[in-house]
N, C-alpha and C. Protein backbone atom coordinates (compact mmCIF):
# COMPACT_ATOMS: atom_id res chain seq x y z
N MET A 1 18.31 -17.88 8.95
CA MET A 1 17.60 -17.35 7.81
C MET A 1 17.18 -18.54 6.93
N ARG A 2 15.91 -18.56 6.55
CA ARG A 2 15.42 -19.62 5.68
C ARG A 2 15.80 -19.32 4.24
N LEU A 3 16.15 -20.37 3.54
CA LEU A 3 16.43 -20.28 2.11
C LEU A 3 15.35 -21.03 1.37
N PHE A 4 15.02 -20.56 0.20
CA PHE A 4 14.05 -21.21 -0.65
C PHE A 4 14.75 -21.61 -1.93
N ALA A 5 14.40 -22.78 -2.45
CA ALA A 5 14.96 -23.24 -3.71
C ALA A 5 13.82 -23.54 -4.66
N ILE A 6 14.03 -23.25 -5.94
CA ILE A 6 13.03 -23.54 -6.96
C ILE A 6 13.69 -24.41 -8.01
N ASP A 7 13.01 -25.52 -8.36
CA ASP A 7 13.59 -26.40 -9.37
C ASP A 7 12.98 -26.10 -10.74
N THR A 8 13.37 -26.87 -11.73
CA THR A 8 12.91 -26.63 -13.10
C THR A 8 11.43 -26.91 -13.28
N ASP A 9 10.83 -27.69 -12.35
CA ASP A 9 9.40 -27.97 -12.40
C ASP A 9 8.59 -26.95 -11.60
N ASN A 10 9.22 -25.87 -11.16
CA ASN A 10 8.60 -24.78 -10.40
C ASN A 10 8.19 -25.19 -8.99
N ASN A 11 8.80 -26.23 -8.44
CA ASN A 11 8.54 -26.62 -7.06
C ASN A 11 9.43 -25.79 -6.15
N ILE A 12 8.82 -25.13 -5.17
CA ILE A 12 9.58 -24.31 -4.23
C ILE A 12 9.66 -25.05 -2.91
N THR A 13 10.88 -25.15 -2.37
CA THR A 13 11.11 -25.84 -1.11
C THR A 13 11.84 -24.91 -0.17
N ALA A 14 11.48 -24.97 1.11
CA ALA A 14 12.15 -24.15 2.13
C ALA A 14 13.22 -24.99 2.82
N PHE A 15 14.37 -24.37 3.07
CA PHE A 15 15.49 -25.04 3.73
C PHE A 15 15.98 -24.17 4.87
N PRO A 16 16.35 -24.81 6.02
CA PRO A 16 16.83 -24.01 7.15
C PRO A 16 18.26 -23.49 6.96
N ALA A 17 19.06 -24.13 6.08
CA ALA A 17 20.45 -23.70 5.92
C ALA A 17 20.86 -23.84 4.46
N ALA A 18 21.85 -23.04 4.05
CA ALA A 18 22.30 -23.02 2.66
C ALA A 18 22.91 -24.35 2.24
N GLU A 19 23.54 -25.07 3.17
CA GLU A 19 24.20 -26.33 2.84
C GLU A 19 23.21 -27.38 2.34
N GLN A 20 21.94 -27.25 2.69
CA GLN A 20 20.96 -28.26 2.36
C GLN A 20 20.29 -28.04 1.01
N VAL A 21 20.55 -26.91 0.34
CA VAL A 21 19.94 -26.64 -0.96
C VAL A 21 20.58 -27.55 -2.00
N PRO A 22 19.78 -28.33 -2.74
CA PRO A 22 20.34 -29.24 -3.74
C PRO A 22 21.06 -28.48 -4.86
N GLU A 23 22.06 -29.15 -5.44
CA GLU A 23 22.82 -28.57 -6.55
C GLU A 23 21.91 -28.33 -7.74
N GLY A 24 22.17 -27.28 -8.48
CA GLY A 24 21.46 -27.03 -9.72
C GLY A 24 20.11 -26.33 -9.55
N GLN A 25 19.72 -26.03 -8.33
CA GLN A 25 18.46 -25.32 -8.12
C GLN A 25 18.74 -23.86 -7.81
N GLU A 26 17.91 -22.99 -8.34
CA GLU A 26 18.04 -21.58 -8.03
C GLU A 26 17.54 -21.37 -6.60
N HIS A 27 18.22 -20.53 -5.85
CA HIS A 27 17.77 -20.30 -4.48
C HIS A 27 17.73 -18.80 -4.18
N PHE A 28 16.91 -18.48 -3.16
CA PHE A 28 16.73 -17.09 -2.77
C PHE A 28 16.31 -17.06 -1.31
N ALA A 29 16.57 -15.92 -0.65
CA ALA A 29 16.25 -15.79 0.77
C ALA A 29 15.39 -14.57 1.07
N SER A 30 15.14 -13.76 0.05
CA SER A 30 14.34 -12.56 0.27
C SER A 30 13.49 -12.29 -0.96
N GLU A 31 12.54 -11.39 -0.80
CA GLU A 31 11.70 -11.00 -1.92
C GLU A 31 12.53 -10.34 -3.01
N LYS A 32 13.53 -9.59 -2.60
CA LYS A 32 14.41 -8.91 -3.55
C LYS A 32 15.18 -9.92 -4.41
N GLU A 33 15.69 -10.99 -3.76
CA GLU A 33 16.42 -12.02 -4.48
C GLU A 33 15.49 -12.78 -5.43
N LEU A 34 14.26 -13.02 -4.99
CA LEU A 34 13.28 -13.68 -5.85
C LEU A 34 12.99 -12.80 -7.07
N ALA A 35 12.89 -11.49 -6.86
CA ALA A 35 12.64 -10.58 -7.97
C ALA A 35 13.79 -10.60 -8.98
N LYS A 36 15.04 -10.70 -8.49
CA LYS A 36 16.19 -10.78 -9.39
C LYS A 36 16.12 -12.06 -10.24
N LEU A 37 15.79 -13.18 -9.58
CA LEU A 37 15.66 -14.44 -10.32
C LEU A 37 14.54 -14.34 -11.35
N ALA A 38 13.39 -13.83 -10.92
CA ALA A 38 12.20 -13.78 -11.78
C ALA A 38 12.38 -12.82 -12.94
N ALA A 39 13.33 -11.90 -12.85
CA ALA A 39 13.55 -10.95 -13.95
C ALA A 39 13.98 -11.68 -15.22
N ASN A 40 14.59 -12.85 -15.08
CA ASN A 40 15.05 -13.62 -16.23
C ASN A 40 14.03 -14.66 -16.69
N TRP A 41 12.95 -14.82 -15.95
CA TRP A 41 11.95 -15.83 -16.29
C TRP A 41 10.92 -15.26 -17.26
N PRO A 42 10.31 -16.12 -18.06
CA PRO A 42 9.16 -15.65 -18.83
C PRO A 42 8.01 -15.37 -17.85
N ALA A 43 7.17 -14.42 -18.15
CA ALA A 43 6.06 -14.06 -17.25
C ALA A 43 5.18 -15.26 -16.97
N ASP A 44 5.06 -16.15 -17.93
CA ASP A 44 4.24 -17.34 -17.77
C ASP A 44 4.71 -18.22 -16.62
N ARG A 45 6.03 -18.21 -16.34
CA ARG A 45 6.54 -19.06 -15.26
C ARG A 45 6.02 -18.62 -13.90
N LEU A 46 5.89 -17.33 -13.69
CA LEU A 46 5.35 -16.84 -12.41
C LEU A 46 3.91 -17.30 -12.23
N VAL A 47 3.15 -17.29 -13.29
CA VAL A 47 1.76 -17.78 -13.23
C VAL A 47 1.76 -19.27 -12.89
N GLN A 48 2.67 -20.04 -13.52
CA GLN A 48 2.76 -21.48 -13.24
C GLN A 48 3.15 -21.74 -11.79
N VAL A 49 4.11 -20.96 -11.28
CA VAL A 49 4.52 -21.10 -9.88
C VAL A 49 3.33 -20.85 -8.97
N TRP A 50 2.63 -19.74 -9.20
CA TRP A 50 1.47 -19.39 -8.37
C TRP A 50 0.41 -20.48 -8.43
N ASN A 51 0.06 -20.90 -9.62
CA ASN A 51 -1.00 -21.89 -9.78
C ASN A 51 -0.60 -23.26 -9.25
N SER A 52 0.70 -23.52 -9.11
CA SER A 52 1.13 -24.82 -8.57
C SER A 52 0.79 -24.96 -7.10
N PHE A 53 0.70 -23.84 -6.37
CA PHE A 53 0.29 -23.98 -4.97
C PHE A 53 -1.07 -23.41 -4.66
N ALA A 54 -1.76 -22.87 -5.62
CA ALA A 54 -3.12 -22.36 -5.38
C ALA A 54 -4.05 -23.53 -5.06
N GLY A 55 -4.66 -23.48 -3.89
CA GLY A 55 -5.62 -24.49 -3.48
C GLY A 55 -5.02 -25.69 -2.77
N VAL A 56 -3.68 -25.77 -2.67
CA VAL A 56 -3.02 -26.90 -2.02
C VAL A 56 -2.63 -26.49 -0.61
N ALA A 57 -2.75 -27.40 0.37
CA ALA A 57 -2.37 -27.08 1.75
C ALA A 57 -0.89 -26.73 1.77
N PRO A 58 -0.43 -25.75 2.48
CA PRO A 58 -1.13 -24.81 3.36
C PRO A 58 -1.64 -23.57 2.62
N PHE A 59 -1.83 -23.68 1.32
CA PHE A 59 -2.25 -22.54 0.52
C PHE A 59 -3.72 -22.64 0.12
N ASP A 60 -4.55 -23.19 0.99
CA ASP A 60 -5.95 -23.47 0.67
C ASP A 60 -6.72 -22.25 0.18
N GLY A 61 -6.42 -21.07 0.68
CA GLY A 61 -7.18 -19.88 0.33
C GLY A 61 -6.77 -19.22 -0.98
N LEU A 62 -5.71 -19.69 -1.62
CA LEU A 62 -5.22 -19.05 -2.83
C LEU A 62 -5.99 -19.55 -4.05
N LYS A 63 -6.28 -18.64 -4.95
CA LYS A 63 -7.02 -18.97 -6.18
C LYS A 63 -6.07 -18.91 -7.37
N PRO A 64 -6.25 -19.83 -8.34
CA PRO A 64 -5.42 -19.78 -9.55
C PRO A 64 -5.66 -18.49 -10.34
N VAL A 65 -4.64 -18.08 -11.10
CA VAL A 65 -4.75 -16.87 -11.92
C VAL A 65 -4.39 -17.19 -13.36
N LYS A 66 -4.84 -16.36 -14.29
CA LYS A 66 -4.47 -16.51 -15.70
C LYS A 66 -3.25 -15.66 -16.02
N LYS A 67 -3.15 -14.51 -15.35
CA LYS A 67 -1.99 -13.64 -15.51
C LYS A 67 -1.93 -12.68 -14.33
N PHE A 68 -0.79 -12.03 -14.18
CA PHE A 68 -0.61 -11.02 -13.15
C PHE A 68 -0.58 -9.64 -13.81
N THR A 69 -0.89 -8.63 -13.03
CA THR A 69 -0.86 -7.26 -13.53
C THR A 69 0.53 -6.91 -14.05
N ASP A 70 1.53 -7.26 -13.23
CA ASP A 70 2.91 -7.02 -13.62
C ASP A 70 3.82 -7.96 -12.84
N ARG A 71 5.09 -7.98 -13.20
CA ARG A 71 6.05 -8.90 -12.58
C ARG A 71 6.23 -8.59 -11.09
N LYS A 72 6.24 -7.32 -10.74
CA LYS A 72 6.43 -6.91 -9.34
C LYS A 72 5.29 -7.46 -8.46
N THR A 73 4.06 -7.36 -8.94
CA THR A 73 2.91 -7.88 -8.21
C THR A 73 3.02 -9.38 -8.05
N ALA A 74 3.41 -10.05 -9.13
CA ALA A 74 3.54 -11.51 -9.09
C ALA A 74 4.57 -11.94 -8.06
N VAL A 75 5.73 -11.30 -8.07
CA VAL A 75 6.80 -11.64 -7.13
C VAL A 75 6.34 -11.41 -5.70
N ALA A 76 5.68 -10.28 -5.45
CA ALA A 76 5.21 -9.96 -4.10
C ALA A 76 4.21 -11.00 -3.61
N ARG A 77 3.28 -11.40 -4.47
CA ARG A 77 2.27 -12.39 -4.07
C ARG A 77 2.89 -13.77 -3.84
N VAL A 78 3.81 -14.17 -4.71
CA VAL A 78 4.49 -15.46 -4.53
C VAL A 78 5.30 -15.45 -3.25
N TRP A 79 6.04 -14.36 -3.00
CA TRP A 79 6.85 -14.27 -1.79
C TRP A 79 5.96 -14.37 -0.54
N LYS A 80 4.88 -13.65 -0.53
CA LYS A 80 3.98 -13.69 0.63
C LYS A 80 3.43 -15.10 0.84
N ALA A 81 3.10 -15.78 -0.25
CA ALA A 81 2.54 -17.13 -0.14
C ALA A 81 3.56 -18.12 0.39
N ILE A 82 4.80 -18.04 -0.07
CA ILE A 82 5.78 -19.05 0.36
C ILE A 82 6.25 -18.86 1.79
N GLN A 83 5.88 -17.76 2.40
CA GLN A 83 6.23 -17.57 3.81
C GLN A 83 5.51 -18.60 4.69
N ARG A 84 4.50 -19.25 4.13
CA ARG A 84 3.77 -20.28 4.88
C ARG A 84 4.51 -21.61 4.90
N LEU A 85 5.52 -21.76 4.04
CA LEU A 85 6.28 -23.01 3.99
C LEU A 85 7.14 -23.14 5.23
N ASP A 86 7.21 -24.34 5.76
CA ASP A 86 8.10 -24.63 6.88
C ASP A 86 9.30 -25.37 6.35
N ALA A 87 10.47 -24.98 6.81
CA ALA A 87 11.68 -25.67 6.39
C ALA A 87 11.73 -27.04 7.05
N PRO A 88 12.12 -28.10 6.32
CA PRO A 88 12.23 -29.41 6.94
C PRO A 88 13.34 -29.39 7.99
N ALA A 89 13.14 -30.12 9.04
CA ALA A 89 14.09 -30.23 10.14
C ALA A 89 14.31 -28.90 10.85
N ALA A 90 13.42 -27.97 10.66
CA ALA A 90 13.52 -26.71 11.39
C ALA A 90 13.01 -26.94 12.80
N PRO A 91 13.62 -26.30 13.78
CA PRO A 91 13.15 -26.50 15.15
C PRO A 91 11.72 -26.00 15.30
N GLN A 92 10.89 -26.81 15.91
CA GLN A 92 9.49 -26.48 16.13
C GLN A 92 9.29 -26.04 17.57
N ALA A 93 8.42 -25.09 17.80
CA ALA A 93 8.10 -24.65 19.16
C ALA A 93 7.18 -25.69 19.78
N ALA A 94 7.68 -26.45 20.71
CA ALA A 94 6.92 -27.56 21.28
C ALA A 94 5.75 -27.10 22.13
N ASP A 95 5.93 -26.02 22.85
CA ASP A 95 4.89 -25.59 23.78
C ASP A 95 3.99 -24.51 23.21
N ALA A 96 4.13 -24.20 21.94
CA ALA A 96 3.32 -23.14 21.35
C ALA A 96 1.89 -23.61 21.17
N ALA A 97 0.97 -22.81 21.62
CA ALA A 97 -0.44 -23.16 21.48
C ALA A 97 -0.91 -22.75 20.09
N PRO A 98 -1.80 -23.55 19.49
CA PRO A 98 -2.30 -23.15 18.17
C PRO A 98 -3.16 -21.90 18.28
N LYS A 99 -3.12 -21.11 17.21
CA LYS A 99 -3.92 -19.89 17.23
C LYS A 99 -5.38 -20.24 17.11
N GLY A 100 -6.20 -19.58 17.91
CA GLY A 100 -7.64 -19.80 17.83
C GLY A 100 -8.27 -18.87 16.83
N LYS A 101 -9.53 -19.08 16.55
CA LYS A 101 -10.24 -18.20 15.63
C LYS A 101 -10.50 -16.87 16.33
N ARG A 102 -10.47 -15.81 15.54
CA ARG A 102 -10.76 -14.49 16.09
C ARG A 102 -12.26 -14.34 16.22
N PRO A 103 -12.71 -13.65 17.24
CA PRO A 103 -14.15 -13.45 17.36
C PRO A 103 -14.68 -12.59 16.23
N SER A 104 -15.84 -12.94 15.72
CA SER A 104 -16.40 -12.18 14.61
C SER A 104 -17.15 -10.94 15.07
N LYS A 105 -17.62 -10.94 16.28
CA LYS A 105 -18.32 -9.77 16.83
C LYS A 105 -17.46 -9.15 17.92
N ALA A 106 -17.69 -7.91 18.20
CA ALA A 106 -16.97 -7.22 19.26
C ALA A 106 -17.31 -7.86 20.60
N ALA A 107 -16.31 -7.95 21.46
CA ALA A 107 -16.55 -8.54 22.77
C ALA A 107 -17.40 -7.60 23.62
N ASN A 108 -18.18 -8.18 24.50
CA ASN A 108 -19.01 -7.39 25.40
C ASN A 108 -18.43 -7.44 26.79
N ALA A 109 -18.57 -6.36 27.50
CA ALA A 109 -18.13 -6.32 28.89
C ALA A 109 -19.08 -7.18 29.72
N ASP A 110 -18.73 -7.41 30.99
CA ASP A 110 -19.56 -8.24 31.87
C ASP A 110 -20.97 -7.70 32.02
N ASP A 111 -21.14 -6.38 31.91
CA ASP A 111 -22.46 -5.80 32.07
C ASP A 111 -23.26 -5.81 30.77
N GLY A 112 -22.70 -6.41 29.72
CA GLY A 112 -23.43 -6.52 28.45
C GLY A 112 -23.21 -5.36 27.51
N ALA A 113 -22.47 -4.33 27.93
CA ALA A 113 -22.22 -3.17 27.07
C ALA A 113 -21.10 -3.51 26.08
N PRO A 114 -21.25 -3.16 24.81
CA PRO A 114 -20.19 -3.42 23.83
C PRO A 114 -18.92 -2.68 24.21
N THR A 115 -17.79 -3.30 23.92
CA THR A 115 -16.51 -2.70 24.26
C THR A 115 -15.66 -2.52 23.01
N ALA A 116 -14.59 -1.77 23.16
CA ALA A 116 -13.63 -1.56 22.08
C ALA A 116 -12.24 -1.57 22.69
N ARG A 117 -11.23 -1.88 21.89
CA ARG A 117 -9.86 -1.90 22.37
C ARG A 117 -9.47 -0.49 22.84
N GLU A 118 -8.88 -0.41 24.00
CA GLU A 118 -8.53 0.87 24.60
C GLU A 118 -7.60 1.65 23.69
N GLY A 119 -7.91 2.93 23.49
CA GLY A 119 -7.09 3.80 22.67
C GLY A 119 -7.43 3.76 21.18
N SER A 120 -8.30 2.83 20.78
CA SER A 120 -8.67 2.75 19.36
C SER A 120 -9.63 3.88 19.01
N LYS A 121 -9.79 4.12 17.72
CA LYS A 121 -10.71 5.17 17.30
C LYS A 121 -12.14 4.79 17.67
N LYS A 122 -12.44 3.51 17.64
CA LYS A 122 -13.78 3.05 18.05
C LYS A 122 -14.02 3.44 19.51
N ALA A 123 -13.02 3.22 20.36
CA ALA A 123 -13.15 3.55 21.77
C ALA A 123 -13.31 5.07 21.96
N ILE A 124 -12.58 5.83 21.17
CA ILE A 124 -12.67 7.29 21.27
C ILE A 124 -14.08 7.76 20.91
N VAL A 125 -14.62 7.24 19.79
CA VAL A 125 -15.95 7.65 19.36
C VAL A 125 -16.99 7.21 20.39
N LEU A 126 -16.86 5.99 20.91
CA LEU A 126 -17.81 5.52 21.93
C LEU A 126 -17.79 6.43 23.15
N GLU A 127 -16.60 6.82 23.57
CA GLU A 127 -16.49 7.71 24.73
C GLU A 127 -17.17 9.05 24.45
N LEU A 128 -17.00 9.56 23.25
CA LEU A 128 -17.60 10.85 22.91
C LEU A 128 -19.13 10.77 22.86
N VAL A 129 -19.68 9.72 22.25
CA VAL A 129 -21.14 9.66 22.13
C VAL A 129 -21.80 9.22 23.43
N ARG A 130 -21.03 8.72 24.38
CA ARG A 130 -21.60 8.35 25.69
C ARG A 130 -21.71 9.55 26.63
N ARG A 131 -21.11 10.68 26.26
CA ARG A 131 -21.21 11.87 27.11
C ARG A 131 -22.67 12.28 27.22
N PRO A 132 -23.06 12.92 28.32
CA PRO A 132 -24.47 13.31 28.51
C PRO A 132 -25.01 14.19 27.39
N ASP A 133 -24.17 15.09 26.86
CA ASP A 133 -24.64 15.95 25.78
C ASP A 133 -24.23 15.44 24.40
N GLY A 134 -23.62 14.22 24.34
CA GLY A 134 -23.22 13.62 23.08
C GLY A 134 -22.01 14.30 22.49
N ALA A 135 -21.84 14.14 21.18
CA ALA A 135 -20.70 14.74 20.49
C ALA A 135 -21.16 15.23 19.13
N THR A 136 -20.62 16.36 18.72
CA THR A 136 -20.97 16.89 17.41
C THR A 136 -20.14 16.17 16.35
N LEU A 137 -20.58 16.31 15.13
CA LEU A 137 -19.85 15.74 14.01
C LEU A 137 -18.43 16.28 13.99
N LYS A 138 -18.29 17.59 14.26
CA LYS A 138 -16.96 18.22 14.29
C LYS A 138 -16.08 17.62 15.38
N ASP A 139 -16.67 17.38 16.58
CA ASP A 139 -15.91 16.79 17.69
C ASP A 139 -15.31 15.44 17.28
N ILE A 140 -16.15 14.63 16.67
CA ILE A 140 -15.71 13.28 16.28
C ILE A 140 -14.68 13.36 15.16
N MET A 141 -14.88 14.27 14.21
CA MET A 141 -13.92 14.44 13.11
C MET A 141 -12.56 14.87 13.65
N GLU A 142 -12.54 15.79 14.60
CA GLU A 142 -11.28 16.27 15.17
C GLU A 142 -10.58 15.18 15.97
N ALA A 143 -11.36 14.38 16.72
CA ALA A 143 -10.78 13.34 17.57
C ALA A 143 -10.20 12.19 16.76
N THR A 144 -10.81 11.89 15.61
CA THR A 144 -10.39 10.73 14.83
C THR A 144 -9.57 11.08 13.59
N GLY A 145 -9.71 12.29 13.10
CA GLY A 145 -9.05 12.67 11.85
C GLY A 145 -9.81 12.20 10.62
N TRP A 146 -11.05 11.74 10.81
CA TRP A 146 -11.88 11.25 9.71
C TRP A 146 -12.62 12.39 9.04
N GLN A 147 -13.07 12.13 7.82
CA GLN A 147 -13.94 13.06 7.12
C GLN A 147 -15.37 12.81 7.57
N ALA A 148 -16.25 13.77 7.28
CA ALA A 148 -17.64 13.70 7.75
C ALA A 148 -18.34 12.43 7.29
N HIS A 149 -18.17 12.05 6.04
CA HIS A 149 -18.85 10.85 5.53
C HIS A 149 -18.35 9.59 6.23
N SER A 150 -17.08 9.57 6.63
CA SER A 150 -16.54 8.42 7.35
C SER A 150 -17.14 8.31 8.74
N VAL A 151 -17.32 9.45 9.40
CA VAL A 151 -17.93 9.46 10.74
C VAL A 151 -19.37 8.94 10.66
N ARG A 152 -20.12 9.47 9.69
CA ARG A 152 -21.52 9.04 9.55
C ARG A 152 -21.61 7.56 9.23
N GLY A 153 -20.73 7.07 8.36
CA GLY A 153 -20.71 5.65 8.02
C GLY A 153 -20.34 4.78 9.21
N PHE A 154 -19.39 5.23 10.02
CA PHE A 154 -18.98 4.50 11.21
C PHE A 154 -20.13 4.41 12.21
N ILE A 155 -20.82 5.53 12.41
CA ILE A 155 -21.94 5.54 13.36
C ILE A 155 -23.04 4.60 12.87
N SER A 156 -23.36 4.67 11.59
CA SER A 156 -24.41 3.83 11.03
C SER A 156 -24.00 2.36 10.98
N GLY A 157 -22.83 2.09 10.45
CA GLY A 157 -22.41 0.71 10.24
C GLY A 157 -21.90 0.02 11.48
N THR A 158 -20.89 0.59 12.10
CA THR A 158 -20.24 -0.07 13.22
C THR A 158 -21.03 0.04 14.51
N LEU A 159 -21.37 1.27 14.90
CA LEU A 159 -22.06 1.44 16.18
C LEU A 159 -23.49 0.89 16.13
N SER A 160 -24.24 1.27 15.11
CA SER A 160 -25.65 0.87 15.07
C SER A 160 -25.84 -0.57 14.63
N LYS A 161 -25.26 -0.95 13.50
CA LYS A 161 -25.52 -2.27 12.95
C LYS A 161 -24.67 -3.36 13.58
N LYS A 162 -23.35 -3.18 13.61
CA LYS A 162 -22.47 -4.23 14.11
C LYS A 162 -22.54 -4.38 15.63
N MET A 163 -22.52 -3.24 16.33
CA MET A 163 -22.50 -3.30 17.80
C MET A 163 -23.90 -3.29 18.39
N GLY A 164 -24.89 -2.97 17.60
CA GLY A 164 -26.27 -2.99 18.08
C GLY A 164 -26.63 -1.86 19.02
N LEU A 165 -25.90 -0.76 18.96
CA LEU A 165 -26.18 0.38 19.83
C LEU A 165 -27.22 1.28 19.18
N LYS A 166 -28.01 1.92 19.99
CA LYS A 166 -29.01 2.88 19.50
C LYS A 166 -28.38 4.26 19.63
N VAL A 167 -28.07 4.86 18.48
CA VAL A 167 -27.44 6.18 18.46
C VAL A 167 -28.47 7.19 17.96
N GLU A 168 -28.70 8.22 18.77
CA GLU A 168 -29.65 9.27 18.40
C GLU A 168 -28.91 10.42 17.75
N SER A 169 -29.50 10.95 16.70
CA SER A 169 -28.93 12.10 16.01
C SER A 169 -29.90 13.26 16.17
N THR A 170 -29.40 14.36 16.72
CA THR A 170 -30.26 15.53 16.92
C THR A 170 -29.52 16.79 16.46
N LYS A 171 -30.32 17.80 16.16
CA LYS A 171 -29.72 19.09 15.82
C LYS A 171 -29.81 19.97 17.05
N ARG A 172 -28.70 20.56 17.40
CA ARG A 172 -28.65 21.46 18.55
C ARG A 172 -29.19 22.82 18.15
N PRO A 173 -29.51 23.66 19.13
CA PRO A 173 -30.01 25.00 18.82
C PRO A 173 -29.05 25.82 17.95
N ASP A 174 -27.77 25.55 18.07
CA ASP A 174 -26.80 26.30 17.26
C ASP A 174 -26.68 25.75 15.84
N GLY A 175 -27.46 24.71 15.50
CA GLY A 175 -27.48 24.15 14.16
C GLY A 175 -26.52 22.99 13.96
N GLU A 176 -25.71 22.66 14.98
CA GLU A 176 -24.76 21.55 14.88
C GLU A 176 -25.48 20.22 15.05
N ARG A 177 -25.08 19.21 14.30
CA ARG A 177 -25.61 17.86 14.44
C ARG A 177 -24.85 17.19 15.57
N ALA A 178 -25.58 16.54 16.49
CA ALA A 178 -24.96 15.86 17.62
C ALA A 178 -25.42 14.40 17.66
N TYR A 179 -24.52 13.52 18.06
CA TYR A 179 -24.81 12.09 18.19
C TYR A 179 -24.63 11.70 19.64
N GLN A 180 -25.56 10.86 20.11
CA GLN A 180 -25.48 10.44 21.49
C GLN A 180 -26.16 9.09 21.63
N LEU A 181 -25.64 8.26 22.55
CA LEU A 181 -26.25 6.96 22.77
C LEU A 181 -27.59 7.14 23.47
N ALA A 182 -28.59 6.39 23.00
CA ALA A 182 -29.92 6.47 23.61
C ALA A 182 -29.85 5.85 25.00
N GLN A 183 -30.57 6.46 25.92
CA GLN A 183 -30.54 5.98 27.32
C GLN A 183 -31.61 4.97 27.59
């Protein structure tokens, strides 16, 4: 279990074992323990702690704040941020490959057709609209648990714009709206 220590200058350090925490520093190992410590701090100290690592590696994406909504929010955000700290002398995974960037667009199958992760709601909707007679708004709502406006937004935004699919919308003789991929 990693321990974190905070000194009087609001510097937080991660340690692999309790024996290595310097004397006179407050320490904590969980968000709950951090919340107990922070209960005695002035609210301004949480802002100072946050701003001390905002914009600094490995916290490049964090932005400085003037205040937090409440102490609970501040503690949660600080706890989440310090999870990026590595304890010194902690064993490193030598053979671990670095994480690559995630693709920004959906992957395409070998035949050029857009794909979705199996079992996802996107895959379910794609399967329904690929049927020869398409799928009604009700069919898609029942299969996904979405409301009508969510289905229409998904078809317009994800299927049409993001995935580049041509989705036709027609009214059936019974008055139901049906969606189907253009052939």
